[in-house]
C-alpha cells in the first residue's frame, strides 16, 4: 500500500528529530541570510522562539493527516504574527528556507515527493495563518 503524504512527513520528521536543535538553528541562520529584513521581527534571544518553532513543527507532523484540526490555533497564531509585523509575503520565504533546511538535514532520504508533501502542509498552515492576519487587519 502506498504511503500517504502524512506518513511520509512523519517518517521524515522521525529521521530529522534527533537533529532538531541543529535543524532549528540552521533554519533561522538561513532565514536571516535569505531575508535579512525579517530579523527585526524576532527577539534578540531566540531560545524561546526556537522552542516555539519546534513545537509548531511537531504539531504539523502530528496532525499531518488532518491539518484542519489546527485551524483555530493557526488563526490565533496568524493574529499574533500580525502584531509582530509579519506580512503575508514573509510566508513564502519561511516556506522555502524551511524546505531547504529540512532537505539539508534529511540528506538522501529527501525526495521530490517528500518536498511536495511538506510544501503542501506548509502552504496549508500558512494559508490559515494569513487568514488570521487578514481578520485582524480587516477589523
Protein backbone atom coordinates (compact mmCIF):
# COMPACT_ATOMS: atom_id res chain seq x y z
CA UNK A 1 0.00 0.00 0.00
CA UNK A 2 1.45 3.40 -0.92
CA UNK A 3 2.31 5.72 1.90
CA UNK A 4 0.21 8.82 2.37
CA UNK A 5 1.70 12.31 2.47
CA UNK A 6 1.15 12.29 6.25
CA UNK A 7 3.07 9.01 6.56
CA UNK A 8 5.97 10.41 4.56
CA UNK A 9 6.03 13.65 6.56
CA UNK A 10 6.05 11.70 9.83
CA UNK A 11 8.79 9.35 8.64
CA UNK A 12 10.98 12.24 7.54
CA UNK A 13 10.43 14.08 10.82
CA UNK A 14 11.39 10.94 12.75
CA UNK A 15 14.62 10.91 10.77
CA UNK A 16 15.30 14.61 11.42
CA UNK A 17 14.10 14.74 15.06
CA UNK A 18 17.41 13.65 16.62
CA UNK A 19 18.95 16.73 14.95
CA UNK A 20 16.05 19.02 15.93
CA UNK A 21 18.13 21.70 17.65
CA UNK A 22 20.56 21.85 14.73
CA UNK A 23 17.69 21.97 12.24
CA UNK A 24 16.04 24.89 14.01
CA UNK A 25 19.35 26.75 14.44
CA UNK A 26 20.16 26.25 10.77
CA UNK A 27 16.65 27.32 9.73
CA UNK A 28 16.95 30.69 11.44
CA UNK A 29 20.51 31.20 10.22
CA UNK A 30 19.33 30.50 6.65
CA UNK A 31 16.17 32.60 7.05
CA UNK A 32 18.03 35.67 8.26
CA UNK A 33 20.57 35.26 5.44
CA UNK A 34 17.85 34.88 2.79
CA UNK A 35 15.54 37.58 4.16
CA UNK A 36 17.54 39.92 6.42
CA UNK A 37 14.58 42.30 6.80
CA UNK A 38 12.68 39.72 8.84
CA UNK A 39 15.33 39.60 11.56
CA UNK A 40 13.76 42.64 13.23
CA UNK A 41 10.52 40.69 13.70
CA UNK A 42 12.22 38.29 16.12
CA UNK A 43 13.56 38.75 19.65
CA UNK A 44 17.28 39.14 20.27
CA UNK A 45 17.24 36.00 22.41
CA UNK A 46 15.94 33.30 20.08
CA UNK A 47 15.83 30.44 22.61
CA UNK A 48 12.06 30.61 23.21
CA UNK A 49 11.34 31.31 19.54
CA UNK A 50 13.27 28.21 18.50
CA UNK A 51 11.31 26.12 21.01
CA UNK A 52 8.06 27.52 19.59
CA UNK A 53 9.08 26.60 16.04
CA UNK A 54 9.99 23.08 17.05
CA UNK A 55 6.67 22.66 18.88
CA UNK A 56 4.78 24.02 15.86
CA UNK A 57 6.56 21.59 13.54
CA UNK A 58 5.70 18.78 15.92
CA UNK A 59 2.01 19.74 15.76
CA UNK A 60 2.06 19.87 11.97
CA UNK A 61 3.64 16.41 11.89
CA UNK A 62 1.20 15.03 14.47
CA UNK A 63 -1.81 16.37 12.53
CA UNK A 64 -0.36 15.94 9.03
CA UNK A 65 -3.35 13.84 8.01
CA UNK A 66 -5.84 16.41 9.38
CA UNK A 67 -4.37 19.92 9.42
CA UNK A 68 -7.91 21.23 9.74
CA UNK A 69 -7.72 20.19 13.40
CA UNK A 70 -5.21 23.02 13.84
CA UNK A 71 -7.40 25.68 12.23
CA UNK A 72 -8.31 27.64 15.36
CA UNK A 73 -4.79 27.65 16.86
CA UNK A 74 -3.37 28.64 13.46
CA UNK A 75 -5.84 31.50 13.09
CA UNK A 76 -4.79 32.75 16.53
CA UNK A 77 -1.12 32.36 15.63
CA UNK A 78 -1.70 34.37 12.47
CA UNK A 79 -3.35 37.13 14.51
CA UNK A 80 -0.32 37.21 16.83
CA UNK A 81 2.07 37.29 13.89
CA UNK A 82 0.23 40.33 12.56
CA UNK A 83 1.12 42.10 15.79
CA UNK A 84 4.79 41.19 15.31
CA UNK A 85 4.81 42.88 11.92
CA UNK A 86 4.79 39.73 9.79
CA UNK A 87 3.42 40.19 6.30
CA UNK A 88 1.72 37.59 4.12
CA UNK A 89 4.70 37.77 1.76
CA UNK A 90 7.05 36.57 4.51
CA UNK A 91 5.45 33.13 4.48
CA UNK A 92 6.97 32.24 1.10
CA UNK A 93 10.48 32.98 2.36
CA UNK A 94 9.85 30.93 5.50
CA UNK A 95 8.49 28.05 3.41
CA UNK A 96 11.41 27.97 1.01
CA UNK A 97 14.03 28.22 3.75
CA UNK A 98 12.29 25.57 5.84
CA UNK A 99 12.10 23.19 2.88
CA UNK A 100 15.77 23.73 2.08
CA UNK A 101 16.75 23.20 5.72
CA UNK A 102 14.70 20.01 6.00
CA UNK A 103 16.24 18.76 2.78
CA UNK A 104 19.73 19.52 4.06
CA UNK A 105 19.15 17.50 7.24
CA UNK A 106 17.22 14.65 5.63
CA UNK A 107 20.00 14.03 3.12
CA UNK A 108 19.43 11.13 0.75
CA UNK A 109 16.00 10.43 2.29
CA UNK A 110 14.70 13.69 0.76
CA UNK A 111 12.78 13.12 -2.46
CA UNK A 112 10.77 15.33 -4.76
CA UNK A 113 7.62 13.60 -3.43
CA UNK A 114 8.61 14.42 0.14
CA UNK A 115 9.24 18.02 -0.85
CA UNK A 116 5.75 18.18 -2.39
CA UNK A 117 4.24 16.71 0.78
CA UNK A 118 5.99 19.20 3.07
CA UNK A 119 5.27 22.10 0.70
CA UNK A 120 1.56 21.27 0.72
CA UNK A 121 1.49 21.04 4.53
CA UNK A 122 3.42 24.30 4.98
CA UNK A 123 1.19 26.07 2.47
CA UNK A 124 -1.93 24.82 4.26
CA UNK A 125 -0.60 26.12 7.58
CA UNK A 126 0.44 29.45 6.06
CA UNK A 127 -2.92 29.92 4.33
CA UNK A 128 -4.78 29.66 7.64
CA UNK A 129 -2.28 31.88 9.45
CA UNK A 130 -2.66 34.51 6.72
CA UNK A 131 -6.43 34.34 7.15
CA UNK A 132 -5.88 35.06 10.84
CA UNK A 133 -3.71 38.05 9.97
CA UNK A 134 -6.22 39.36 7.49
CA UNK A 135 -9.01 39.12 10.06
CA UNK A 136 -7.03 41.46 12.34
CA UNK A 137 -6.29 43.88 9.50
CA UNK A 138 -9.95 43.90 8.40
CA UNK A 139 -11.21 44.63 11.93
